[in-house]
Amino acid sequence: MENINEVVAYNLYKYRKAKNLSLEKISKLTNVSKTVLNKIEKGEGNPTINTLVNLANGIQIPISNLITKKESSIQFIDNKYINPIHSIDKTVTVCPYFPYDKNKNFEMFSMNFEMDGFLYSKGHEENSREFIIVNKGILKIKVGKHVSIVKEKQAISFESDSEHSYFNIGEGVLELTATIQY
């Protein structure tokens, strides 16, 4: 975990440069001395909550903008760092590439089914929707009483708040990518 002082230092510097403000100008806006601001910006200072509140109020930004590390606009995932989840009989493997994030309201994962592999779901949250792309193989999916066959390079989407089941009905491994939107 990154040191909070480093996060504040980076965010304050970035904000100051983006707004073309000097330390002196920020000092006047926030009633925080130029010396203290300089130490904070270098990551050497240990700002109190009062100092952070003064900074946020003075430069008119939410305090969370000062103390939170912004997520990079690019996120690279290498599957060697993903902990796969296996079914009890090891015929299904799920790799959560983008686990559920309440701020984004979705999750994305790959699923591999060995021959004759299947998986049952009681359903997800109300008003959720699942999107599946079959990358390799043949998927039989049952949603409630409706059955669909989805082949390689085809996709399907369905309301996923009801029970549904996935079946590999092909002769090899079934590989698919699934996204659930909540």
C-alpha atoms as a PDB file:
ATOM      1  CA  MET A   1       0.000   0.000   0.000  1.00  0.00           C
ATOM      2  CA  GLU A   2       1.268   3.438  -0.898  1.00  0.00           C
ATOM      3  CA  ASN A   3       2.103   5.912   1.879  1.00  0.00           C
ATOM      4  CA  ILE A   4      -0.700   8.493   2.322  1.00  0.00           C
ATOM      5  CA  ASN A   5       1.875  11.308   2.476  1.00  0.00           C
ATOM      6  CA  GLU A   6       3.130  10.318  -0.981  1.00  0.00           C
ATOM      7  CA  VAL A   7      -0.429  10.250  -2.329  1.00  0.00           C
ATOM      8  CA  VAL A   8      -1.181  13.722  -0.894  1.00  0.00           C
ATOM      9  CA  ALA A   9       2.156  15.039  -2.203  1.00  0.00           C
ATOM     10  CA  TYR A  10       1.462  13.759  -5.708  1.00  0.00           C
ATOM     11  CA  ASN A  11      -2.149  15.002  -5.774  1.00  0.00           C
ATOM     12  CA  LEU A  12      -1.294  18.463  -4.430  1.00  0.00           C
ATOM     13  CA  TYR A  13       1.559  18.890  -6.916  1.00  0.00           C
ATOM     14  CA  LYS A  14      -0.549  17.647  -9.821  1.00  0.00           C
ATOM     15  CA  TYR A  15      -3.455  19.943  -8.907  1.00  0.00           C
ATOM     16  CA  ARG A  16      -1.165  22.945  -8.434  1.00  0.00           C
ATOM     17  CA  LYS A  17       0.540  22.441 -11.803  1.00  0.00           C
ATOM     18  CA  ALA A  18      -2.744  21.811 -13.629  1.00  0.00           C
ATOM     19  CA  LYS A  19      -4.181  25.088 -12.261  1.00  0.00           C
ATOM     20  CA  ASN A  20      -0.860  26.935 -12.731  1.00  0.00           C
ATOM     21  CA  LEU A  21      -0.795  27.999  -9.062  1.00  0.00           C
ATOM     22  CA  SER A  22       2.282  28.874  -7.021  1.00  0.00           C
ATOM     23  CA  LEU A  23       2.820  27.637  -3.470  1.00  0.00           C
ATOM     24  CA  GLU A  24       2.385  31.246  -2.371  1.00  0.00           C
ATOM     25  CA  LYS A  25      -1.043  31.494  -4.030  1.00  0.00           C
ATOM     26  CA  ILE A  26      -2.171  28.171  -2.500  1.00  0.00           C
ATOM     27  CA  SER A  27      -0.877  29.374   0.877  1.00  0.00           C
ATOM     28  CA  LYS A  28      -3.110  32.459   0.633  1.00  0.00           C
ATOM     29  CA  LEU A  29      -6.126  30.397  -0.422  1.00  0.00           C
ATOM     30  CA  THR A  30      -5.711  27.788   2.319  1.00  0.00           C
ATOM     31  CA  ASN A  31      -4.078  29.570   5.273  1.00  0.00           C
ATOM     32  CA  VAL A  32      -1.383  26.879   5.240  1.00  0.00           C
ATOM     33  CA  SER A  33       2.148  28.258   5.274  1.00  0.00           C
ATOM     34  CA  LYS A  34       4.304  28.047   2.163  1.00  0.00           C
ATOM     35  CA  THR A  35       6.925  26.105   4.170  1.00  0.00           C
ATOM     36  CA  VAL A  36       4.373  23.466   5.251  1.00  0.00           C
ATOM     37  CA  LEU A  37       2.986  23.231   1.708  1.00  0.00           C
ATOM     38  CA  ASN A  38       6.496  22.717   0.343  1.00  0.00           C
ATOM     39  CA  LYS A  39       7.124  19.865   2.810  1.00  0.00           C
ATOM     40  CA  ILE A  40       3.753  18.276   2.030  1.00  0.00           C
ATOM     41  CA  GLU A  41       4.387  18.471  -1.697  1.00  0.00           C
ATOM     42  CA  LYS A  42       7.788  16.806  -1.290  1.00  0.00           C
ATOM     43  CA  GLY A  43       6.223  14.006   0.762  1.00  0.00           C
ATOM     44  CA  GLU A  44       8.218  15.086   3.823  1.00  0.00           C
ATOM     45  CA  GLY A  45       5.339  16.592   5.743  1.00  0.00           C
ATOM     46  CA  ASN A  46       2.756  14.700   7.725  1.00  0.00           C
ATOM     47  CA  PRO A  47      -0.387  16.798   7.229  1.00  0.00           C
ATOM     48  CA  THR A  48      -3.003  16.728   9.941  1.00  0.00           C
ATOM     49  CA  ILE A  49      -6.669  16.308   9.113  1.00  0.00           C
ATOM     50  CA  ASN A  50      -7.109  20.023   9.810  1.00  0.00           C
ATOM     51  CA  THR A  51      -4.429  20.875   7.261  1.00  0.00           C
ATOM     52  CA  LEU A  52      -6.037  18.567   4.678  1.00  0.00           C
ATOM     53  CA  VAL A  53      -9.454  20.136   5.307  1.00  0.00           C
ATOM     54  CA  ASN A  54      -7.949  23.641   4.947  1.00  0.00           C
ATOM     55  CA  LEU A  55      -6.284  22.614   1.689  1.00  0.00           C
ATOM     56  CA  ALA A  56      -9.439  21.047   0.273  1.00  0.00           C
ATOM     57  CA  ASN A  57     -11.630  23.975   1.288  1.00  0.00           C
ATOM     58  CA  GLY A  58      -9.140  26.607   0.126  1.00  0.00           C
ATOM     59  CA  ILE A  59      -8.608  25.149  -3.324  1.00  0.00           C
ATOM     60  CA  GLN A  60     -12.238  24.000  -3.519  1.00  0.00           C
ATOM     61  CA  ILE A  61     -11.834  20.297  -4.157  1.00  0.00           C
ATOM     62  CA  PRO A  62     -13.178  17.293  -2.247  1.00  0.00           C
ATOM     63  CA  ILE A  63     -10.748  16.061   0.408  1.00  0.00           C
ATOM     64  CA  SER A  64     -10.901  12.636  -1.250  1.00  0.00           C
ATOM     65  CA  ASN A  65      -9.145  14.198  -4.272  1.00  0.00           C
ATOM     66  CA  LEU A  66      -6.161  14.869  -2.020  1.00  0.00           C
ATOM     67  CA  ILE A  67      -5.978  11.560  -0.165  1.00  0.00           C
ATOM     68  CA  THR A  68      -6.980   9.040  -2.843  1.00  0.00           C
ATOM     69  CA  LYS A  69      -4.680   7.637  -5.480  1.00  0.00           C
ATOM     70  CA  LYS A  70      -6.390   7.949  -8.840  1.00  0.00           C
ATOM     71  CA  GLU A  71      -6.718   4.723 -10.787  1.00  0.00           C
ATOM     72  CA  SER A  72      -4.662   4.689 -13.937  1.00  0.00           C
ATOM     73  CA  SER A  73      -6.603   5.166 -17.152  1.00  0.00           C
ATOM     74  CA  ILE A  74      -4.942   1.977 -18.393  1.00  0.00           C
ATOM     75  CA  GLN A  75      -5.171  -1.273 -16.483  1.00  0.00           C
ATOM     76  CA  PHE A  76      -3.189  -4.267 -17.760  1.00  0.00           C
ATOM     77  CA  ILE A  77      -4.030  -7.717 -16.405  1.00  0.00           C
ATOM     78  CA  ASP A  78      -1.737 -10.735 -16.831  1.00  0.00           C
ATOM     79  CA  ASN A  79      -3.517 -14.021 -16.104  1.00  0.00           C
ATOM     80  CA  LYS A  80      -0.457 -15.352 -14.267  1.00  0.00           C
ATOM     81  CA  TYR A  81      -1.460 -13.033 -11.385  1.00  0.00           C
ATOM     82  CA  ILE A  82      -5.091 -14.158 -11.311  1.00  0.00           C
ATOM     83  CA  ASN A  83      -6.167 -16.758  -8.772  1.00  0.00           C
ATOM     84  CA  PRO A  84      -8.446 -19.112 -10.712  1.00  0.00           C
ATOM     85  CA  ILE A  85     -11.570 -20.499  -9.080  1.00  0.00           C
ATOM     86  CA  HIS A  86     -12.397 -24.156  -9.799  1.00  0.00           C
ATOM     87  CA  SER A  87     -15.600 -26.133  -9.557  1.00  0.00           C
ATOM     88  CA  ILE A  88     -15.595 -29.013  -7.074  1.00  0.00           C
ATOM     89  CA  ASP A  89     -15.023 -31.552  -9.846  1.00  0.00           C
ATOM     90  CA  LYS A  90     -12.380 -29.279 -11.507  1.00  0.00           C
ATOM     91  CA  THR A  91     -14.242 -29.289 -14.844  1.00  0.00           C
ATOM     92  CA  VAL A  92     -14.877 -25.520 -14.746  1.00  0.00           C
ATOM     93  CA  THR A  93     -12.314 -22.781 -14.155  1.00  0.00           C
ATOM     94  CA  VAL A  94     -13.222 -19.121 -13.651  1.00  0.00           C
ATOM     95  CA  CYS A  95     -10.564 -16.396 -13.900  1.00  0.00           C
ATOM     96  CA  PRO A  96     -11.781 -13.033 -12.535  1.00  0.00           C
ATOM     97  CA  TYR A  97      -9.967 -10.497 -14.722  1.00  0.00           C
ATOM     98  CA  PHE A  98     -11.981  -7.551 -13.433  1.00  0.00           C
ATOM     99  CA  PRO A  99     -13.623  -8.509 -10.114  1.00  0.00           C
ATOM    100  CA  TYR A 100     -16.811  -6.778  -9.016  1.00  0.00           C
ATOM    101  CA  ASP A 101     -16.330  -3.108  -8.211  1.00  0.00           C
ATOM    102  CA  LYS A 102     -19.317  -1.311  -6.679  1.00  0.00           C
ATOM    103  CA  ASN A 103     -18.265   1.946  -8.350  1.00  0.00           C
ATOM    104  CA  LYS A 104     -18.317   0.373 -11.808  1.00  0.00           C
ATOM    105  CA  ASN A 105     -21.231  -2.050 -11.271  1.00  0.00           C
ATOM    106  CA  PHE A 106     -19.806  -4.894 -13.320  1.00  0.00           C
ATOM    107  CA  GLU A 107     -17.417  -7.818 -13.228  1.00  0.00           C
ATOM    108  CA  MET A 108     -15.649  -9.586 -16.085  1.00  0.00           C
ATOM    109  CA  PHE A 109     -14.109 -13.031 -16.136  1.00  0.00           C
ATOM    110  CA  SER A 110     -13.135 -15.881 -18.408  1.00  0.00           C
ATOM    111  CA  MET A 111     -14.562 -19.363 -17.975  1.00  0.00           C
ATOM    112  CA  ASN A 112     -13.150 -22.651 -19.260  1.00  0.00           C
ATOM    113  CA  PHE A 113     -15.256 -25.812 -19.276  1.00  0.00           C
ATOM    114  CA  GLU A 114     -13.722 -29.233 -19.839  1.00  0.00           C
ATOM    115  CA  MET A 115     -15.717 -31.682 -21.981  1.00  0.00           C
ATOM    116  CA  ASP A 116     -19.128 -32.293 -20.378  1.00  0.00           C
ATOM    117  CA  GLY A 117     -18.418 -29.530 -17.814  1.00  0.00           C
ATOM    118  CA  PHE A 118     -21.369 -27.582 -16.487  1.00  0.00           C
ATOM    119  CA  LEU A 119     -22.108 -24.845 -13.980  1.00  0.00           C
ATOM    120  CA  TYR A 120     -25.346 -23.820 -12.273  1.00  0.00           C
ATOM    121  CA  SER A 121     -26.177 -20.347 -10.927  1.00  0.00           C
ATOM    122  CA  LYS A 122     -29.171 -19.504  -8.738  1.00  0.00           C
ATOM    123  CA  GLY A 123     -29.111 -16.052 -10.288  1.00  0.00           C
ATOM    124  CA  HIS A 124     -27.463 -12.747  -9.539  1.00  0.00           C
ATOM    125  CA  GLU A 125     -28.778  -9.509  -8.068  1.00  0.00           C
ATOM    126  CA  GLU A 126     -32.113  -8.147  -9.240  1.00  0.00           C
ATOM    127  CA  ASN A 127     -31.909  -6.322 -12.596  1.00  0.00           C
ATOM    128  CA  SER A 128     -28.478  -7.780 -13.400  1.00  0.00           C
ATOM    129  CA  ARG A 129     -27.584  -8.676 -16.962  1.00  0.00           C
ATOM    130  CA  GLU A 130     -24.972 -11.112 -18.237  1.00  0.00           C
ATOM    131  CA  PHE A 131     -23.063 -10.821 -21.509  1.00  0.00           C
ATOM    132  CA  ILE A 132     -21.222 -13.874 -22.856  1.00  0.00           C
ATOM    133  CA  ILE A 133     -18.888 -14.254 -25.829  1.00  0.00           C
ATOM    134  CA  VAL A 134     -17.943 -17.801 -26.807  1.00  0.00           C
ATOM    135  CA  ASN A 135     -14.277 -17.742 -27.801  1.00  0.00           C
ATOM    136  CA  LYS A 136     -13.936 -21.468 -28.463  1.00  0.00           C
ATOM    137  CA  GLY A 137     -16.332 -24.429 -28.377  1.00  0.00           C
ATOM    138  CA  ILE A 138     -20.088 -24.728 -28.075  1.00  0.00           C
ATOM    139  CA  LEU A 139     -22.127 -23.453 -25.118  1.00  0.00           C
ATOM    140  CA  LYS A 140     -25.591 -24.643 -24.209  1.00  0.00           C
ATOM    141  CA  ILE A 141     -27.126 -22.159 -21.807  1.00  0.00           C
ATOM    142  CA  LYS A 142     -30.406 -22.560 -20.001  1.00  0.00           C
ATOM    143  CA  VAL A 143     -32.017 -19.416 -18.572  1.00  0.00           C
ATOM    144  CA  GLY A 144     -35.168 -20.334 -16.696  1.00  0.00           C
ATOM    145  CA  LYS A 145     -36.895 -22.620 -19.209  1.00  0.00           C
ATOM    146  CA  HIS A 146     -35.270 -21.088 -22.296  1.00  0.00           C
ATOM    147  CA  VAL A 147     -32.370 -23.011 -23.884  1.00  0.00           C
ATOM    148  CA  SER A 148     -29.887 -21.477 -26.341  1.00  0.00           C
ATOM    149  CA  ILE A 149     -26.905 -22.883 -28.216  1.00  0.00           C
ATOM    150  CA  VAL A 150     -24.059 -20.404 -28.664  1.00  0.00           C
ATOM    151  CA  LYS A 151     -21.171 -21.317 -30.930  1.00  0.00           C
ATOM    152  CA  GLU A 152     -17.638 -20.004 -31.308  1.00  0.00           C
ATOM    153  CA  LYS A 153     -17.519 -16.263 -32.133  1.00  0.00           C
ATOM    154  CA  GLN A 154     -21.158 -15.813 -31.152  1.00  0.00           C
ATOM    155  CA  ALA A 155     -22.515 -13.969 -28.131  1.00  0.00           C
ATOM    156  CA  ILE A 156     -25.584 -13.938 -25.926  1.00  0.00           C
ATOM    157  CA  SER A 157     -26.986 -11.556 -23.332  1.00  0.00           C
ATOM    158  CA  PHE A 158     -29.717 -12.226 -20.792  1.00  0.00           C
ATOM    159  CA  GLU A 159     -31.280 -10.997 -17.570  1.00  0.00           C
ATOM    160  CA  SER A 160     -29.264 -12.955 -15.031  1.00  0.00           C
ATOM    161  CA  ASP A 161     -31.310 -12.480 -11.879  1.00  0.00           C
ATOM    162  CA  SER A 162     -32.994 -15.845 -12.446  1.00  0.00           C
ATOM    163  CA  GLU A 163     -31.456 -19.302 -12.321  1.00  0.00           C
ATOM    164  CA  HIS A 164     -29.308 -20.279 -15.264  1.00  0.00           C
ATOM    165  CA  SER A 165     -26.923 -23.078 -16.258  1.00  0.00           C
ATOM    166  CA  TYR A 166     -23.969 -23.372 -18.609  1.00  0.00           C
ATOM    167  CA  PHE A 167     -23.045 -26.632 -20.377  1.00  0.00           C
ATOM    168  CA  ASN A 168     -20.119 -27.525 -22.621  1.00  0.00           C
ATOM    169  CA  ILE A 169     -21.690 -29.616 -25.389  1.00  0.00           C
ATOM    170  CA  GLY A 170     -18.726 -29.486 -27.771  1.00  0.00           C
ATOM    171  CA  GLU A 171     -15.962 -32.035 -28.259  1.00  0.00           C
ATOM    172  CA  GLY A 172     -13.178 -29.924 -26.738  1.00  0.00           C
ATOM    173  CA  VAL A 173     -12.688 -27.234 -24.137  1.00  0.00           C
ATOM    174  CA  LEU A 174     -15.285 -24.446 -24.053  1.00  0.00           C
ATOM    175  CA  GLU A 175     -13.726 -21.003 -23.526  1.00  0.00           C
ATOM    176  CA  LEU A 176     -15.887 -17.950 -22.956  1.00  0.00           C
ATOM    177  CA  THR A 177     -15.702 -14.400 -21.658  1.00  0.00           C
ATOM    178  CA  ALA A 178     -18.506 -13.213 -19.379  1.00  0.00           C
ATOM    179  CA  THR A 179     -19.439  -9.811 -18.045  1.00  0.00           C
ATOM    180  CA  ILE A 180     -22.131  -9.283 -15.450  1.00  0.00           C
ATOM    181  CA  GLN A 181     -23.615  -5.809 -15.158  1.00  0.00           C
ATOM    182  CA  TYR A 182     -25.362  -5.014 -11.861  1.00  0.00           C
END
